[in-house]
Amino acid sequence: EDTAVYYCAASLRLPRSVSLPGKYDYWG
């Protein structure tokens, strides 16, 4: 069940919730 495409993501500001994809501006 771990099978998936894995992405890294970055934000230059600290999100209030780090678990939300929409809080990240940059993606691999």
PDB file of all heavy atoms in Angstrom:
ATOM      1  N   GLU A   1       0.799  -1.216   0.000  1.00  0.00           N
ATOM      2  CA  GLU A   1       0.000   0.000   0.000  1.00  0.00           C
ATOM      3  C   GLU A   1       0.837   1.274   0.000  1.00  0.00           C
ATOM      4  O   GLU A   1       0.290   2.366  -0.130  1.00  0.00           O
ATOM      5  CB  GLU A   1      -0.970   0.018   1.189  1.00  0.00           C
ATOM      6  CG  GLU A   1      -0.306  -0.249   2.527  1.00  0.00           C
ATOM      7  CD  GLU A   1      -0.445  -1.697   2.967  1.00  0.00           C
ATOM      8  OE1 GLU A   1      -0.268  -2.599   2.119  1.00  0.00           O
ATOM      9  OE2 GLU A   1      -0.732  -1.931   4.156  1.00  0.00           O
ATOM     10  N   ASP A   2       2.156   1.151   0.144  1.00  0.00           N
ATOM     11  CA  ASP A   2       3.047   2.298   0.003  1.00  0.00           C
ATOM     12  C   ASP A   2       3.337   2.625  -1.457  1.00  0.00           C
ATOM     13  O   ASP A   2       3.976   3.644  -1.742  1.00  0.00           O
ATOM     14  CB  ASP A   2       4.365   2.051   0.732  1.00  0.00           C
ATOM     15  CG  ASP A   2       4.192   1.942   2.239  1.00  0.00           C
ATOM     16  OD1 ASP A   2       3.405   2.727   2.805  1.00  0.00           O
ATOM     17  OD2 ASP A   2       4.848   1.080   2.846  1.00  0.00           O
ATOM     18  N   THR A   3       2.910   1.778  -2.368  1.00  0.00           N
ATOM     19  CA  THR A   3       3.150   1.997  -3.787  1.00  0.00           C
ATOM     20  C   THR A   3       2.478   3.288  -4.241  1.00  0.00           C
ATOM     21  O   THR A   3       1.276   3.470  -4.059  1.00  0.00           O
ATOM     22  CB  THR A   3       2.632   0.817  -4.614  1.00  0.00           C
ATOM     23  OG1 THR A   3       3.377  -0.356  -4.289  1.00  0.00           O
ATOM     24  CG2 THR A   3       2.772   1.099  -6.102  1.00  0.00           C
ATOM     25  N   ALA A   4       3.256   4.189  -4.821  1.00  0.00           N
ATOM     26  CA  ALA A   4       2.747   5.488  -5.248  1.00  0.00           C
ATOM     27  C   ALA A   4       3.868   6.258  -5.927  1.00  0.00           C
ATOM     28  O   ALA A   4       5.031   5.853  -5.886  1.00  0.00           O
ATOM     29  CB  ALA A   4       2.223   6.291  -4.055  1.00  0.00           C
ATOM     30  N   VAL A   5       3.503   7.370  -6.543  1.00  0.00           N
ATOM     31  CA  VAL A   5       4.488   8.353  -6.963  1.00  0.00           C
ATOM     32  C   VAL A   5       4.751   9.264  -5.777  1.00  0.00           C
ATOM     33  O   VAL A   5       3.817   9.822  -5.197  1.00  0.00           O
ATOM     34  CB  VAL A   5       4.013   9.168  -8.177  1.00  0.00           C
ATOM     35  CG1 VAL A   5       5.038  10.240  -8.533  1.00  0.00           C
ATOM     36  CG2 VAL A   5       3.770   8.250  -9.370  1.00  0.00           C
ATOM     37  N   TYR A   6       6.009   9.408  -5.413  1.00  0.00           N
ATOM     38  CA  TYR A   6       6.394  10.226  -4.283  1.00  0.00           C
ATOM     39  C   TYR A   6       6.951  11.557  -4.771  1.00  0.00           C
ATOM     40  O   TYR A   6       7.799  11.597  -5.663  1.00  0.00           O
ATOM     41  CB  TYR A   6       7.432   9.502  -3.425  1.00  0.00           C
ATOM     42  CG  TYR A   6       6.832   8.425  -2.557  1.00  0.00           C
ATOM     43  CD1 TYR A   6       6.327   7.260  -3.122  1.00  0.00           C
ATOM     44  CD2 TYR A   6       6.750   8.582  -1.176  1.00  0.00           C
ATOM     45  CE1 TYR A   6       5.752   6.280  -2.333  1.00  0.00           C
ATOM     46  CE2 TYR A   6       6.185   7.603  -0.379  1.00  0.00           C
ATOM     47  CZ  TYR A   6       5.687   6.451  -0.964  1.00  0.00           C
ATOM     48  OH  TYR A   6       5.125   5.481  -0.177  1.00  0.00           O
ATOM     49  N   TYR A   7       6.479  12.636  -4.178  1.00  0.00           N
ATOM     50  CA  TYR A   7       6.874  13.984  -4.545  1.00  0.00           C
ATOM     51  C   TYR A   7       7.505  14.692  -3.355  1.00  0.00           C
ATOM     52  O   TYR A   7       7.026  14.566  -2.232  1.00  0.00           O
ATOM     53  CB  TYR A   7       5.666  14.817  -4.990  1.00  0.00           C
ATOM     54  CG  TYR A   7       4.919  14.284  -6.182  1.00  0.00           C
ATOM     55  CD1 TYR A   7       3.877  13.378  -6.028  1.00  0.00           C
ATOM     56  CD2 TYR A   7       5.233  14.712  -7.468  1.00  0.00           C
ATOM     57  CE1 TYR A   7       3.178  12.897  -7.116  1.00  0.00           C
ATOM     58  CE2 TYR A   7       4.539  14.241  -8.557  1.00  0.00           C
ATOM     59  CZ  TYR A   7       3.515  13.338  -8.381  1.00  0.00           C
ATOM     60  OH  TYR A   7       2.818  12.875  -9.473  1.00  0.00           O
ATOM     61  N   CYS A   8       8.554  15.460  -3.600  1.00  0.00           N
ATOM     62  CA  CYS A   8       9.013  16.392  -2.591  1.00  0.00           C
ATOM     63  C   CYS A   8       8.472  17.772  -2.915  1.00  0.00           C
ATOM     64  O   CYS A   8       8.199  18.097  -4.070  1.00  0.00           O
ATOM     65  CB  CYS A   8      10.539  16.403  -2.461  1.00  0.00           C
ATOM     66  SG  CYS A   8      11.453  17.118  -3.838  1.00  0.00           S
ATOM     67  N   ALA A   9       8.293  18.578  -1.894  1.00  0.00           N
ATOM     68  CA  ALA A   9       7.696  19.894  -2.044  1.00  0.00           C
ATOM     69  C   ALA A   9       8.365  20.864  -1.085  1.00  0.00           C
ATOM     70  O   ALA A   9       8.883  20.465  -0.042  1.00  0.00           O
ATOM     71  CB  ALA A   9       6.189  19.836  -1.784  1.00  0.00           C
ATOM     72  N   ALA A  10       8.330  22.150  -1.443  1.00  0.00           N
ATOM     73  CA  ALA A  10       8.978  23.170  -0.629  1.00  0.00           C
ATOM     74  C   ALA A  10       8.118  24.414  -0.533  1.00  0.00           C
ATOM     75  O   ALA A  10       7.398  24.774  -1.469  1.00  0.00           O
ATOM     76  CB  ALA A  10      10.343  23.536  -1.213  1.00  0.00           C
ATOM     77  N   SER A  11       8.203  25.053   0.614  1.00  0.00           N
ATOM     78  CA  SER A  11       7.615  26.368   0.831  1.00  0.00           C
ATOM     79  C   SER A  11       8.662  27.256   1.467  1.00  0.00           C
ATOM     80  O   SER A  11       9.401  26.819   2.355  1.00  0.00           O
ATOM     81  CB  SER A  11       6.380  26.273   1.726  1.00  0.00           C
ATOM     82  OG  SER A  11       5.902  27.565   2.053  1.00  0.00           O
ATOM     83  N   LEU A  12       8.736  28.500   1.037  1.00  0.00           N
ATOM     84  CA  LEU A  12       9.658  29.465   1.621  1.00  0.00           C
ATOM     85  C   LEU A  12       9.048  30.189   2.812  1.00  0.00           C
ATOM     86  O   LEU A  12       9.702  31.037   3.412  1.00  0.00           O
ATOM     87  CB  LEU A  12      10.111  30.471   0.566  1.00  0.00           C
ATOM     88  CG  LEU A  12      10.902  29.880  -0.604  1.00  0.00           C
ATOM     89  CD1 LEU A  12      11.273  30.964  -1.597  1.00  0.00           C
ATOM     90  CD2 LEU A  12      12.145  29.163  -0.108  1.00  0.00           C
ATOM     91  N   ARG A  13       7.832  29.871   3.149  1.00  0.00           N
ATOM     92  CA  ARG A  13       7.172  30.373   4.341  1.00  0.00           C
ATOM     93  C   ARG A  13       6.639  29.197   5.133  1.00  0.00           C
ATOM     94  O   ARG A  13       6.237  28.180   4.559  1.00  0.00           O
ATOM     95  CB  ARG A  13       6.034  31.338   3.984  1.00  0.00           C
ATOM     96  CG  ARG A  13       6.516  32.615   3.315  1.00  0.00           C
ATOM     97  CD  ARG A  13       5.368  33.532   2.980  1.00  0.00           C
ATOM     98  NE  ARG A  13       4.525  32.973   1.931  1.00  0.00           N
ATOM     99  CZ  ARG A  13       3.478  33.593   1.413  1.00  0.00           C
ATOM    100  NH1 ARG A  13       3.135  34.804   1.855  1.00  0.00           N
ATOM    101  NH2 ARG A  13       2.775  33.011   0.449  1.00  0.00           N
ATOM    102  N   LEU A  14       6.622  29.332   6.444  1.00  0.00           N
ATOM    103  CA  LEU A  14       6.191  28.239   7.300  1.00  0.00           C
ATOM    104  C   LEU A  14       4.675  28.135   7.277  1.00  0.00           C
ATOM    105  O   LEU A  14       3.977  29.036   7.745  1.00  0.00           O
ATOM    106  CB  LEU A  14       6.686  28.460   8.722  1.00  0.00           C
ATOM    107  CG  LEU A  14       6.319  27.391   9.748  1.00  0.00           C
ATOM    108  CD1 LEU A  14       6.914  26.054   9.361  1.00  0.00           C
ATOM    109  CD2 LEU A  14       6.787  27.816  11.128  1.00  0.00           C
ATOM    110  N   PRO A  15       4.128  27.045   6.742  1.00  0.00           N
ATOM    111  CA  PRO A  15       2.676  26.894   6.752  1.00  0.00           C
ATOM    112  C   PRO A  15       2.154  26.601   8.147  1.00  0.00           C
ATOM    113  O   PRO A  15       2.850  26.027   8.985  1.00  0.00           O
ATOM    114  CB  PRO A  15       2.433  25.698   5.819  1.00  0.00           C
ATOM    115  CG  PRO A  15       3.736  25.453   5.124  1.00  0.00           C
ATOM    116  CD  PRO A  15       4.789  25.930   6.058  1.00  0.00           C
ATOM    117  N   ARG A  16       0.908  26.982   8.378  1.00  0.00           N
ATOM    118  CA  ARG A  16       0.268  26.615   9.634  1.00  0.00           C
ATOM    119  C   ARG A  16       0.028  25.115   9.704  1.00  0.00           C
ATOM    120  O   ARG A  16       0.066  24.521  10.778  1.00  0.00           O
ATOM    121  CB  ARG A  16      -1.038  27.379   9.807  1.00  0.00           C
ATOM    122  CG  ARG A  16      -0.842  28.879  10.005  1.00  0.00           C
ATOM    123  CD  ARG A  16      -2.148  29.584  10.245  1.00  0.00           C
ATOM    124  NE  ARG A  16      -1.960  31.012  10.466  1.00  0.00           N
ATOM    125  CZ  ARG A  16      -2.937  31.862  10.695  1.00  0.00           C
ATOM    126  NH1 ARG A  16      -4.199  31.435  10.734  1.00  0.00           N
ATOM    127  NH2 ARG A  16      -2.665  33.147  10.890  1.00  0.00           N
ATOM    128  N   SER A  17      -0.232  24.511   8.553  1.00  0.00           N
ATOM    129  CA  SER A  17      -0.380  23.067   8.461  1.00  0.00           C
ATOM    130  C   SER A  17       0.543  22.551   7.370  1.00  0.00           C
ATOM    131  O   SER A  17       0.369  22.884   6.194  1.00  0.00           O
ATOM    132  CB  SER A  17      -1.825  22.683   8.156  1.00  0.00           C
ATOM    133  OG  SER A  17      -1.943  21.288   7.970  1.00  0.00           O
ATOM    134  N   VAL A  18       1.513  21.739   7.740  1.00  0.00           N
ATOM    135  CA  VAL A  18       2.474  21.224   6.772  1.00  0.00           C
ATOM    136  C   VAL A  18       1.928  20.034   6.000  1.00  0.00           C
ATOM    137  O   VAL A  18       2.580  19.573   5.055  1.00  0.00           O
ATOM    138  CB  VAL A  18       3.797  20.826   7.450  1.00  0.00           C
ATOM    139  CG1 VAL A  18       4.460  22.036   8.086  1.00  0.00           C
ATOM    140  CG2 VAL A  18       3.566  19.729   8.486  1.00  0.00           C
ATOM    141  N   SER A  19       0.774  19.538   6.352  1.00  0.00           N
ATOM    142  CA  SER A  19       0.222  18.344   5.732  1.00  0.00           C
ATOM    143  C   SER A  19      -0.660  18.634   4.522  1.00  0.00           C
ATOM    144  O   SER A  19      -1.114  17.696   3.861  1.00  0.00           O
ATOM    145  CB  SER A  19      -0.579  17.528   6.749  1.00  0.00           C
ATOM    146  OG  SER A  19      -1.714  18.241   7.200  1.00  0.00           O
ATOM    147  N   LEU A  20      -0.898  19.887   4.207  1.00  0.00           N
ATOM    148  CA  LEU A  20      -1.777  20.257   3.103  1.00  0.00           C
ATOM    149  C   LEU A  20      -0.958  20.547   1.852  1.00  0.00           C
ATOM    150  O   LEU A  20      -0.113  21.437   1.860  1.00  0.00           O
ATOM    151  CB  LEU A  20      -2.618  21.477   3.468  1.00  0.00           C
ATOM    152  CG  LEU A  20      -3.548  21.307   4.670  1.00  0.00           C
ATOM    153  CD1 LEU A  20      -4.261  22.618   4.974  1.00  0.00           C
ATOM    154  CD2 LEU A  20      -4.558  20.202   4.415  1.00  0.00           C
ATOM    155  N   PRO A  21      -1.204  19.824   0.761  1.00  0.00           N
ATOM    156  CA  PRO A  21      -0.425  20.060  -0.461  1.00  0.00           C
ATOM    157  C   PRO A  21      -0.495  21.492  -0.965  1.00  0.00           C
ATOM    158  O   PRO A  21       0.490  22.010  -1.498  1.00  0.00           O
ATOM    159  CB  PRO A  21      -1.057  19.087  -1.475  1.00  0.00           C
ATOM    160  CG  PRO A  21      -1.671  18.014  -0.640  1.00  0.00           C
ATOM    161  CD  PRO A  21      -2.146  18.703   0.602  1.00  0.00           C
ATOM    162  N   GLY A  22      -1.647  22.150  -0.787  1.00  0.00           N
ATOM    163  CA  GLY A  22      -1.814  23.506  -1.273  1.00  0.00           C
ATOM    164  C   GLY A  22      -0.945  24.533  -0.591  1.00  0.00           C
ATOM    165  O   GLY A  22      -0.840  25.665  -1.077  1.00  0.00           O
ATOM    166  N   LYS A  23      -0.305  24.180   0.501  1.00  0.00           N
ATOM    167  CA  LYS A  23       0.568  25.107   1.215  1.00  0.00           C
ATOM    168  C   LYS A  23       1.973  25.158   0.627  1.00  0.00           C
ATOM    169  O   LYS A  23       2.774  25.998   1.040  1.00  0.00           O
ATOM    170  CB  LYS A  23       0.650  24.724   2.687  1.00  0.00           C
ATOM    171  CG  LYS A  23      -0.690  24.776   3.421  1.00  0.00           C
ATOM    172  CD  LYS A  23      -1.272  26.181   3.414  1.00  0.00           C
ATOM    173  CE  LYS A  23      -2.570  26.243   4.208  1.00  0.00           C
ATOM    174  NZ  LYS A  23      -3.149  27.615   4.211  1.00  0.00           N
ATOM    175  N   TYR A  24       2.267  24.300  -0.318  1.00  0.00           N
ATOM    176  CA  TYR A  24       3.595  24.234  -0.916  1.00  0.00           C
ATOM    177  C   TYR A  24       3.593  24.856  -2.305  1.00  0.00           C
ATOM    178  O   TYR A  24       2.712  24.573  -3.122  1.00  0.00           O
ATOM    179  CB  TYR A  24       4.079  22.787  -0.980  1.00  0.00           C
ATOM    180  CG  TYR A  24       4.312  22.186   0.382  1.00  0.00           C
ATOM    181  CD1 TYR A  24       3.260  21.662   1.125  1.00  0.00           C
ATOM    182  CD2 TYR A  24       5.587  22.154   0.933  1.00  0.00           C
ATOM    183  CE1 TYR A  24       3.469  21.130   2.384  1.00  0.00           C
ATOM    184  CE2 TYR A  24       5.805  21.618   2.187  1.00  0.00           C
ATOM    185  CZ  TYR A  24       4.741  21.102   2.909  1.00  0.00           C
ATOM    186  OH  TYR A  24       4.959  20.570   4.158  1.00  0.00           O
ATOM    187  N   ASP A  25       4.589  25.679  -2.582  1.00  0.00           N
ATOM    188  CA  ASP A  25       4.672  26.422  -3.828  1.00  0.00           C
ATOM    189  C   ASP A  25       5.521  25.727  -4.887  1.00  0.00           C
ATOM    190  O   ASP A  25       5.366  26.011  -6.081  1.00  0.00           O
ATOM    191  CB  ASP A  25       5.242  27.816  -3.575  1.00  0.00           C
ATOM    192  CG  ASP A  25       4.388  28.625  -2.616  1.00  0.00           C
ATOM    193  OD1 ASP A  25       3.161  28.657  -2.803  1.00  0.00           O
ATOM    194  OD2 ASP A  25       4.953  29.228  -1.685  1.00  0.00           O
ATOM    195  N   TYR A  26       6.410  24.863  -4.474  1.00  0.00           N
ATOM    196  CA  TYR A  26       7.349  24.228  -5.391  1.00  0.00           C
ATOM    197  C   TYR A  26       7.300  22.720  -5.223  1.00  0.00           C
ATOM    198  O   TYR A  26       7.229  22.205  -4.104  1.00  0.00           O
ATOM    199  CB  TYR A  26       8.775  24.743  -5.143  1.00  0.00           C
ATOM    200  CG  TYR A  26       8.876  26.249  -5.193  1.00  0.00           C
ATOM    201  CD1 TYR A  26       8.855  26.996  -4.027  1.00  0.00           C
ATOM    202  CD2 TYR A  26       8.977  26.914  -6.410  1.00  0.00           C
ATOM    203  CE1 TYR A  26       8.927  28.379  -4.068  1.00  0.00           C
ATOM    204  CE2 TYR A  26       9.050  28.292  -6.457  1.00  0.00           C
ATOM    205  CZ  TYR A  26       9.027  29.022  -5.279  1.00  0.00           C
ATOM    206  OH  TYR A  26       9.101  30.399  -5.323  1.00  0.00           O
ATOM    207  N   TRP A  27       7.371  22.024  -6.346  1.00  0.00           N
ATOM    208  CA  TRP A  27       7.257  20.569  -6.361  1.00  0.00           C
ATOM    209  C   TRP A  27       8.304  19.945  -7.262  1.00  0.00           C
ATOM    210  O   TRP A  27       8.679  20.513  -8.291  1.00  0.00           O
ATOM    211  CB  TRP A  27       5.870  20.142  -6.849  1.00  0.00           C
ATOM    212  CG  TRP A  27       4.788  20.523  -5.902  1.00  0.00           C
ATOM    213  CD1 TRP A  27       4.172  21.734  -5.803  1.00  0.00           C
ATOM    214  CD2 TRP A  27       4.186  19.688  -4.914  1.00  0.00           C
ATOM    215  NE1 TRP A  27       3.227  21.700  -4.798  1.00  0.00           N
ATOM    216  CE2 TRP A  27       3.214  20.464  -4.247  1.00  0.00           C
ATOM    217  CE3 TRP A  27       4.376  18.352  -4.528  1.00  0.00           C
ATOM    218  CZ2 TRP A  27       2.435  19.938  -3.215  1.00  0.00           C
ATOM    219  CZ3 TRP A  27       3.602  17.842  -3.504  1.00  0.00           C
ATOM    220  CH2 TRP A  27       2.642  18.636  -2.862  1.00  0.00           C
ATOM    221  N   GLY A  28       8.769  18.773  -6.870  1.00  0.00           N
ATOM    222  CA  GLY A  28       9.631  17.990  -7.721  1.00  0.00           C
ATOM    223  C   GLY A  28       8.833  17.256  -8.782  1.00  0.00           C
ATOM    224  O   GLY A  28       7.605  17.352  -8.859  1.00  0.00           O
TER     225      GLY A  28
END
